[in-house]
Amino acid sequence: MKTEIRYKPAFATIFVTLGPGEKITAEASAMVSMSTGIEMTTQFSGGVLSALLRRLLGGESLFLNTFANLSSAPQQVVLTQSTPGDIMFINLQGNQLCLQPGAYIAHEPGVNLSIRWAGFASWISGEGLFKQVVSGNGRVFFGSYGGLTEKTVVGEYVVDTNHLVAYEPQLNLQVGLSSSLFGSFFSGEGLVNRIMGNGKIVLQSRSMDSLVKFLYPKVR
């Protein structure tokens, strides 16, 4: 399987070339186009119960689409996300990664999707009670609204609650005020994630919630 992410960073799109017998699984509605030699099948994500939990608790789609090359020649499928922004992949090697709702786009065979309890702190910050977790071996593609930055946390790091896209599960997230009560209220920063431990995080340069708040007074 060969992949190329084009049109970065504003309108990133994944061009996947599948060899004979190869396949890739993607979020429902992620497909832009595909060759006629590719067969698309739709299934629940990890079974009916797992898919329902993923939808109801993780805020993700109920279904996943698998694109398989059943021909004897290379075939192409093009995948993207619903919002403008960047796309990246991480090659899992037996490890796990937690994703914010809506970030997941696609994964190679060998990668598993599940959800995990994120805690009430995540719910207070507007990120939901559960997080989607990807694990196993293979590449997982995910995207954001805005550009993506990967950072290694050593000790402690502070991130606005709307800018955290992905993080390794060994990291501990605590939601709190950005400064004093007065400063947090009037600075516009409000709640922040205090990330503690050692591990990698991925940040997005823009926030969809901030865009909605900016547009709402102008269109209501």
C-alpha atoms as a PDB file:
ATOM      1  CA  MET A   1       0.000   0.000   0.000  1.00  0.00           C
ATOM      2  CA  LYS A   2       1.272   3.442  -0.959  1.00  0.00           C
ATOM      3  CA  THR A   3      -0.161   6.648   0.482  1.00  0.00           C
ATOM      4  CA  GLU A   4       0.411  10.319  -0.227  1.00  0.00           C
ATOM      5  CA  ILE A   5      -1.143  13.245   1.628  1.00  0.00           C
ATOM      6  CA  ARG A   6      -1.648  16.126  -0.800  1.00  0.00           C
ATOM      7  CA  TYR A   7      -2.983  19.692  -0.535  1.00  0.00           C
ATOM      8  CA  LYS A   8      -1.500  20.209   2.946  1.00  0.00           C
ATOM      9  CA  PRO A   9      -2.102  21.949   5.246  1.00  0.00           C
ATOM     10  CA  ALA A  10      -5.420  23.652   4.489  1.00  0.00           C
ATOM     11  CA  PHE A  11      -7.229  21.007   2.419  1.00  0.00           C
ATOM     12  CA  ALA A  12      -5.247  17.830   3.068  1.00  0.00           C
ATOM     13  CA  THR A  13      -6.397  14.723   1.193  1.00  0.00           C
ATOM     14  CA  ILE A  14      -5.125  11.123   1.320  1.00  0.00           C
ATOM     15  CA  PHE A  15      -4.340   9.404  -1.990  1.00  0.00           C
ATOM     16  CA  VAL A  16      -4.126   5.648  -1.376  1.00  0.00           C
ATOM     17  CA  THR A  17      -2.774   3.217  -3.967  1.00  0.00           C
ATOM     18  CA  LEU A  18      -3.784  -0.347  -3.144  1.00  0.00           C
ATOM     19  CA  GLY A  19      -1.919  -3.288  -4.595  1.00  0.00           C
ATOM     20  CA  PRO A  20      -3.784  -6.494  -5.511  1.00  0.00           C
ATOM     21  CA  GLY A  21      -5.431  -7.921  -2.391  1.00  0.00           C
ATOM     22  CA  GLU A  22      -4.738  -4.859  -0.228  1.00  0.00           C
ATOM     23  CA  LYS A  23      -7.401  -2.911   1.649  1.00  0.00           C
ATOM     24  CA  ILE A  24      -7.924   0.111   3.868  1.00  0.00           C
ATOM     25  CA  THR A  25     -10.776   0.994   6.235  1.00  0.00           C
ATOM     26  CA  ALA A  26     -12.154   4.518   6.579  1.00  0.00           C
ATOM     27  CA  GLU A  27     -14.781   6.550   8.366  1.00  0.00           C
ATOM     28  CA  ALA A  28     -18.167   6.695   6.647  1.00  0.00           C
ATOM     29  CA  SER A  29     -18.324   9.553   4.079  1.00  0.00           C
ATOM     30  CA  ALA A  30     -14.507   9.860   3.930  1.00  0.00           C
ATOM     31  CA  MET A  31     -14.274   8.634   0.326  1.00  0.00           C
ATOM     32  CA  VAL A  32     -13.769  11.300  -2.360  1.00  0.00           C
ATOM     33  CA  SER A  33     -13.251   8.999  -5.351  1.00  0.00           C
ATOM     34  CA  MET A  34     -12.024   5.521  -6.225  1.00  0.00           C
ATOM     35  CA  SER A  35     -10.998   3.341  -9.145  1.00  0.00           C
ATOM     36  CA  THR A  36     -13.535   0.927 -10.603  1.00  0.00           C
ATOM     37  CA  GLY A  37     -11.395  -2.034  -9.545  1.00  0.00           C
ATOM     38  CA  ILE A  38     -12.008  -1.326  -5.865  1.00  0.00           C
ATOM     39  CA  GLU A  39     -14.861  -2.927  -3.940  1.00  0.00           C
ATOM     40  CA  MET A  40     -16.358  -1.022  -1.011  1.00  0.00           C
ATOM     41  CA  THR A  41     -18.062  -2.872   1.825  1.00  0.00           C
ATOM     42  CA  THR A  42     -19.801  -1.289   4.804  1.00  0.00           C
ATOM     43  CA  GLN A  43     -19.883  -2.803   8.271  1.00  0.00           C
ATOM     44  CA  PHE A  44     -20.409  -1.925  11.890  1.00  0.00           C
ATOM     45  CA  SER A  45     -17.248  -0.791  13.624  1.00  0.00           C
ATOM     46  CA  GLY A  46     -16.152  -3.861  15.598  1.00  0.00           C
ATOM     47  CA  GLY A  47     -19.623  -5.389  15.711  1.00  0.00           C
ATOM     48  CA  VAL A  48     -23.053  -3.968  16.506  1.00  0.00           C
ATOM     49  CA  LEU A  49     -22.483  -3.301  20.223  1.00  0.00           C
ATOM     50  CA  SER A  50     -19.049  -1.775  19.717  1.00  0.00           C
ATOM     51  CA  ALA A  51     -20.354   0.400  16.887  1.00  0.00           C
ATOM     52  CA  LEU A  52     -23.276   1.636  18.982  1.00  0.00           C
ATOM     53  CA  LEU A  53     -20.956   2.536  21.841  1.00  0.00           C
ATOM     54  CA  ARG A  54     -18.605   4.268  19.419  1.00  0.00           C
ATOM     55  CA  ARG A  55     -21.513   6.288  18.046  1.00  0.00           C
ATOM     56  CA  LEU A  56     -23.381   7.079  21.269  1.00  0.00           C
ATOM     57  CA  LEU A  57     -20.438   7.538  23.619  1.00  0.00           C
ATOM     58  CA  GLY A  58     -17.561   8.468  21.346  1.00  0.00           C
ATOM     59  CA  GLY A  59     -19.382  10.746  18.910  1.00  0.00           C
ATOM     60  CA  GLU A  60     -18.183   8.759  15.886  1.00  0.00           C
ATOM     61  CA  SER A  61     -19.960   7.233  12.906  1.00  0.00           C
ATOM     62  CA  LEU A  62     -21.885   4.007  13.356  1.00  0.00           C
ATOM     63  CA  PHE A  63     -20.358   2.476  10.220  1.00  0.00           C
ATOM     64  CA  LEU A  64     -16.958   2.049   8.617  1.00  0.00           C
ATOM     65  CA  ASN A  65     -16.202   1.441   4.945  1.00  0.00           C
ATOM     66  CA  THR A  66     -13.509  -0.976   3.782  1.00  0.00           C
ATOM     67  CA  PHE A  67     -11.985  -0.471   0.343  1.00  0.00           C
ATOM     68  CA  ALA A  68     -10.398  -3.613  -1.142  1.00  0.00           C
ATOM     69  CA  ASN A  69      -8.505  -4.063  -4.392  1.00  0.00           C
ATOM     70  CA  LEU A  70      -9.865  -7.268  -5.906  1.00  0.00           C
ATOM     71  CA  SER A  71      -8.179  -6.727  -9.267  1.00  0.00           C
ATOM     72  CA  SER A  72      -4.736  -7.764 -10.494  1.00  0.00           C
ATOM     73  CA  ALA A  73      -3.474  -4.189 -10.925  1.00  0.00           C
ATOM     74  CA  PRO A  74      -2.917  -1.218  -8.580  1.00  0.00           C
ATOM     75  CA  GLN A  75      -6.069   0.766  -7.806  1.00  0.00           C
ATOM     76  CA  GLN A  76      -6.598   4.147  -6.131  1.00  0.00           C
ATOM     77  CA  VAL A  77      -8.979   5.478  -3.484  1.00  0.00           C
ATOM     78  CA  VAL A  78      -8.985   9.091  -2.295  1.00  0.00           C
ATOM     79  CA  LEU A  79     -10.012   9.907   1.289  1.00  0.00           C
ATOM     80  CA  THR A  80     -10.480  13.131   3.229  1.00  0.00           C
ATOM     81  CA  GLN A  81     -12.220  14.691   6.232  1.00  0.00           C
ATOM     82  CA  SER A  82     -15.320  16.882   6.388  1.00  0.00           C
ATOM     83  CA  THR A  83     -13.574  20.045   7.628  1.00  0.00           C
ATOM     84  CA  PRO A  84     -10.713  22.024   6.076  1.00  0.00           C
ATOM     85  CA  GLY A  85      -7.395  21.362   7.722  1.00  0.00           C
ATOM     86  CA  ASP A  86      -4.378  19.110   7.910  1.00  0.00           C
ATOM     87  CA  ILE A  87      -4.082  15.310   7.976  1.00  0.00           C
ATOM     88  CA  MET A  88      -1.287  13.156   9.369  1.00  0.00           C
ATOM     89  CA  PHE A  89      -0.679   9.524  10.228  1.00  0.00           C
ATOM     90  CA  ILE A  90       1.016   7.678  13.054  1.00  0.00           C
ATOM     91  CA  ASN A  91       2.420   4.192  12.583  1.00  0.00           C
ATOM     92  CA  LEU A  92       1.304   2.145  15.576  1.00  0.00           C
ATOM     93  CA  GLN A  93       3.651  -0.600  16.713  1.00  0.00           C
ATOM     94  CA  GLY A  94       1.676  -2.304  19.443  1.00  0.00           C
ATOM     95  CA  ASN A  95       0.946   0.984  21.190  1.00  0.00           C
ATOM     96  CA  GLN A  96      -2.233   3.042  21.602  1.00  0.00           C
ATOM     97  CA  LEU A  97      -3.378   6.554  20.772  1.00  0.00           C
ATOM     98  CA  CYS A  98      -6.419   8.492  22.034  1.00  0.00           C
ATOM     99  CA  LEU A  99      -8.207  10.686  19.485  1.00  0.00           C
ATOM    100  CA  GLN A 100     -10.643  13.542  19.959  1.00  0.00           C
ATOM    101  CA  PRO A 101     -14.161  12.983  18.524  1.00  0.00           C
ATOM    102  CA  GLY A 102     -14.209  13.425  14.755  1.00  0.00           C
ATOM    103  CA  ALA A 103     -10.433  13.231  14.252  1.00  0.00           C
ATOM    104  CA  TYR A 104     -10.258   9.638  12.954  1.00  0.00           C
ATOM    105  CA  ILE A 105     -10.243   9.181   9.167  1.00  0.00           C
ATOM    106  CA  ALA A 106      -8.806   5.775   8.200  1.00  0.00           C
ATOM    107  CA  HIS A 107      -6.580   2.876   9.234  1.00  0.00           C
ATOM    108  CA  GLU A 108      -4.655  -0.038   7.788  1.00  0.00           C
ATOM    109  CA  PRO A 109      -5.370  -3.704   8.606  1.00  0.00           C
ATOM    110  CA  GLY A 110      -3.952  -4.571  12.019  1.00  0.00           C
ATOM    111  CA  VAL A 111      -5.318  -1.455  13.721  1.00  0.00           C
ATOM    112  CA  ASN A 112      -8.234  -1.774  16.154  1.00  0.00           C
ATOM    113  CA  LEU A 113     -10.779   0.875  17.140  1.00  0.00           C
ATOM    114  CA  SER A 114     -12.341   1.110  20.582  1.00  0.00           C
ATOM    115  CA  ILE A 115     -13.519   3.683  23.106  1.00  0.00           C
ATOM    116  CA  ARG A 116     -12.360   4.356  26.648  1.00  0.00           C
ATOM    117  CA  TRP A 117     -13.579   6.313  29.633  1.00  0.00           C
ATOM    118  CA  ALA A 118     -12.079   9.803  29.494  1.00  0.00           C
ATOM    119  CA  GLY A 119     -13.363  11.039  32.840  1.00  0.00           C
ATOM    120  CA  PHE A 120     -15.604  13.857  33.958  1.00  0.00           C
ATOM    121  CA  ALA A 121     -12.792  16.345  33.404  1.00  0.00           C
ATOM    122  CA  SER A 122     -12.993  15.635  29.674  1.00  0.00           C
ATOM    123  CA  TRP A 123     -16.768  16.112  29.764  1.00  0.00           C
ATOM    124  CA  ILE A 124     -16.427  19.452  31.579  1.00  0.00           C
ATOM    125  CA  SER A 125     -13.992  20.633  28.924  1.00  0.00           C
ATOM    126  CA  GLY A 126     -16.506  19.816  26.178  1.00  0.00           C
ATOM    127  CA  GLU A 127     -14.610  16.776  24.838  1.00  0.00           C
ATOM    128  CA  GLY A 128     -17.099  14.146  26.008  1.00  0.00           C
ATOM    129  CA  LEU A 129     -16.980  11.367  28.592  1.00  0.00           C
ATOM    130  CA  PHE A 130     -15.320   8.894  26.216  1.00  0.00           C
ATOM    131  CA  LYS A 131     -12.383   8.978  23.812  1.00  0.00           C
ATOM    132  CA  GLN A 132     -11.762   6.909  20.718  1.00  0.00           C
ATOM    133  CA  VAL A 133      -8.691   4.713  21.059  1.00  0.00           C
ATOM    134  CA  VAL A 134      -6.699   3.205  18.188  1.00  0.00           C
ATOM    135  CA  SER A 135      -4.325   0.340  18.934  1.00  0.00           C
ATOM    136  CA  GLY A 136      -2.420  -2.488  17.279  1.00  0.00           C
ATOM    137  CA  ASN A 137       0.004  -2.421  14.374  1.00  0.00           C
ATOM    138  CA  GLY A 138      -0.274  -0.234  11.285  1.00  0.00           C
ATOM    139  CA  ARG A 139      -0.914   3.312  10.226  1.00  0.00           C
ATOM    140  CA  VAL A 140      -3.866   5.366  11.429  1.00  0.00           C
ATOM    141  CA  PHE A 141      -4.800   8.590   9.649  1.00  0.00           C
ATOM    142  CA  PHE A 142      -6.470  11.465  11.458  1.00  0.00           C
ATOM    143  CA  GLY A 143      -7.140  15.125  10.809  1.00  0.00           C
ATOM    144  CA  SER A 144      -7.934  18.463  12.342  1.00  0.00           C
ATOM    145  CA  TYR A 145      -9.395  21.878  11.732  1.00  0.00           C
ATOM    146  CA  GLY A 146      -6.215  23.846  11.049  1.00  0.00           C
ATOM    147  CA  GLY A 147      -2.594  22.733  11.050  1.00  0.00           C
ATOM    148  CA  LEU A 148      -1.199  19.862  13.105  1.00  0.00           C
ATOM    149  CA  THR A 149       1.792  19.898  15.432  1.00  0.00           C
ATOM    150  CA  GLU A 150       3.286  16.882  17.204  1.00  0.00           C
ATOM    151  CA  LYS A 151       4.938  17.554  20.560  1.00  0.00           C
ATOM    152  CA  THR A 152       6.640  15.440  23.204  1.00  0.00           C
ATOM    153  CA  VAL A 153       5.540  16.243  26.755  1.00  0.00           C
ATOM    154  CA  VAL A 154       8.065  15.799  29.551  1.00  0.00           C
ATOM    155  CA  GLY A 155       6.637  16.621  32.956  1.00  0.00           C
ATOM    156  CA  GLU A 156       3.754  19.029  32.384  1.00  0.00           C
ATOM    157  CA  TYR A 157       2.280  21.050  29.535  1.00  0.00           C
ATOM    158  CA  VAL A 158      -0.805  23.274  29.241  1.00  0.00           C
ATOM    159  CA  VAL A 159      -3.123  23.078  26.214  1.00  0.00           C
ATOM    160  CA  ASP A 160      -6.417  24.817  25.487  1.00  0.00           C
ATOM    161  CA  THR A 161      -9.209  22.257  25.701  1.00  0.00           C
ATOM    162  CA  ASN A 162     -10.249  22.772  22.068  1.00  0.00           C
ATOM    163  CA  HIS A 163      -6.792  22.267  20.553  1.00  0.00           C
ATOM    164  CA  LEU A 164      -5.848  18.763  21.717  1.00  0.00           C
ATOM    165  CA  VAL A 165      -6.324  16.285  18.843  1.00  0.00           C
ATOM    166  CA  ALA A 166      -4.497  13.165  20.032  1.00  0.00           C
ATOM    167  CA  TYR A 167      -2.424  11.941  22.954  1.00  0.00           C
ATOM    168  CA  GLU A 168      -0.801   8.781  24.243  1.00  0.00           C
ATOM    169  CA  PRO A 169      -2.893   7.104  26.967  1.00  0.00           C
ATOM    170  CA  GLN A 170      -0.170   7.080  29.613  1.00  0.00           C
ATOM    171  CA  LEU A 171      -0.495  10.853  29.879  1.00  0.00           C
ATOM    172  CA  ASN A 172      -2.708  12.219  32.644  1.00  0.00           C
ATOM    173  CA  LEU A 173      -5.104  15.025  31.696  1.00  0.00           C
ATOM    174  CA  GLN A 174      -6.512  17.390  34.286  1.00  0.00           C
ATOM    175  CA  VAL A 175      -8.887  20.216  33.402  1.00  0.00           C
ATOM    176  CA  GLY A 176      -8.573  23.472  35.294  1.00  0.00           C
ATOM    177  CA  LEU A 177      -8.710  27.247  35.036  1.00  0.00           C
ATOM    178  CA  SER A 178      -6.091  28.883  32.835  1.00  0.00           C
ATOM    179  CA  SER A 179      -5.155  31.283  35.655  1.00  0.00           C
ATOM    180  CA  SER A 180      -7.107  32.957  38.467  1.00  0.00           C
ATOM    181  CA  LEU A 181     -10.904  32.953  38.357  1.00  0.00           C
ATOM    182  CA  PHE A 182     -10.898  36.602  37.245  1.00  0.00           C
ATOM    183  CA  GLY A 183      -8.167  36.063  34.664  1.00  0.00           C
ATOM    184  CA  SER A 184      -9.728  32.894  33.259  1.00  0.00           C
ATOM    185  CA  PHE A 185     -13.103  34.567  32.811  1.00  0.00           C
ATOM    186  CA  PHE A 186     -11.966  37.838  31.247  1.00  0.00           C
ATOM    187  CA  SER A 187      -8.985  36.544  29.246  1.00  0.00           C
ATOM    188  CA  GLY A 188     -11.220  34.345  27.096  1.00  0.00           C
ATOM    189  CA  GLU A 189      -9.037  31.307  27.813  1.00  0.00           C
ATOM    190  CA  GLY A 190     -11.398  29.661  30.304  1.00  0.00           C
ATOM    191  CA  LEU A 191     -10.564  25.994  30.879  1.00  0.00           C
ATOM    192  CA  VAL A 192      -7.306  24.341  29.875  1.00  0.00           C
ATOM    193  CA  ASN A 193      -5.895  20.819  29.875  1.00  0.00           C
ATOM    194  CA  ARG A 194      -2.929  20.290  32.154  1.00  0.00           C
ATOM    195  CA  ILE A 195      -1.140  17.334  30.609  1.00  0.00           C
ATOM    196  CA  MET A 196       1.193  15.495  32.960  1.00  0.00           C
ATOM    197  CA  GLY A 197       3.620  12.673  32.353  1.00  0.00           C
ATOM    198  CA  ASN A 198       5.852  11.693  29.474  1.00  0.00           C
ATOM    199  CA  GLY A 199       4.476  11.063  26.003  1.00  0.00           C
ATOM    200  CA  LYS A 200       3.414  12.522  22.686  1.00  0.00           C
ATOM    201  CA  ILE A 201       0.485  14.812  21.921  1.00  0.00           C
ATOM    202  CA  VAL A 202      -0.859  16.284  18.675  1.00  0.00           C
ATOM    203  CA  LEU A 203      -2.279  19.813  18.623  1.00  0.00           C
ATOM    204  CA  GLN A 204      -4.425  21.648  16.086  1.00  0.00           C
ATOM    205  CA  SER A 205      -3.787  25.308  15.292  1.00  0.00           C
ATOM    206  CA  ARG A 206      -7.479  26.226  15.064  1.00  0.00           C
ATOM    207  CA  SER A 207     -10.638  25.385  16.996  1.00  0.00           C
ATOM    208  CA  MET A 208     -14.015  24.658  15.424  1.00  0.00           C
ATOM    209  CA  ASP A 209     -15.761  25.812  18.606  1.00  0.00           C
ATOM    210  CA  SER A 210     -13.971  29.159  18.376  1.00  0.00           C
ATOM    211  CA  LEU A 211     -15.050  29.504  14.742  1.00  0.00           C
ATOM    212  CA  VAL A 212     -18.675  28.826  15.677  1.00  0.00           C
ATOM    213  CA  LYS A 213     -18.527  31.426  18.459  1.00  0.00           C
ATOM    214  CA  PHE A 214     -17.037  33.923  16.012  1.00  0.00           C
ATOM    215  CA  LEU A 215     -19.675  33.320  13.319  1.00  0.00           C
ATOM    216  CA  TYR A 216     -22.781  32.998  15.499  1.00  0.00           C
ATOM    217  CA  PRO A 217     -23.274  36.731  16.257  1.00  0.00           C
ATOM    218  CA  LYS A 218     -22.868  37.504  12.555  1.00  0.00           C
ATOM    219  CA  VAL A 219     -25.455  35.053  11.212  1.00  0.00           C
ATOM    220  CA  ARG A 220     -28.141  34.847  13.895  1.00  0.00           C
END
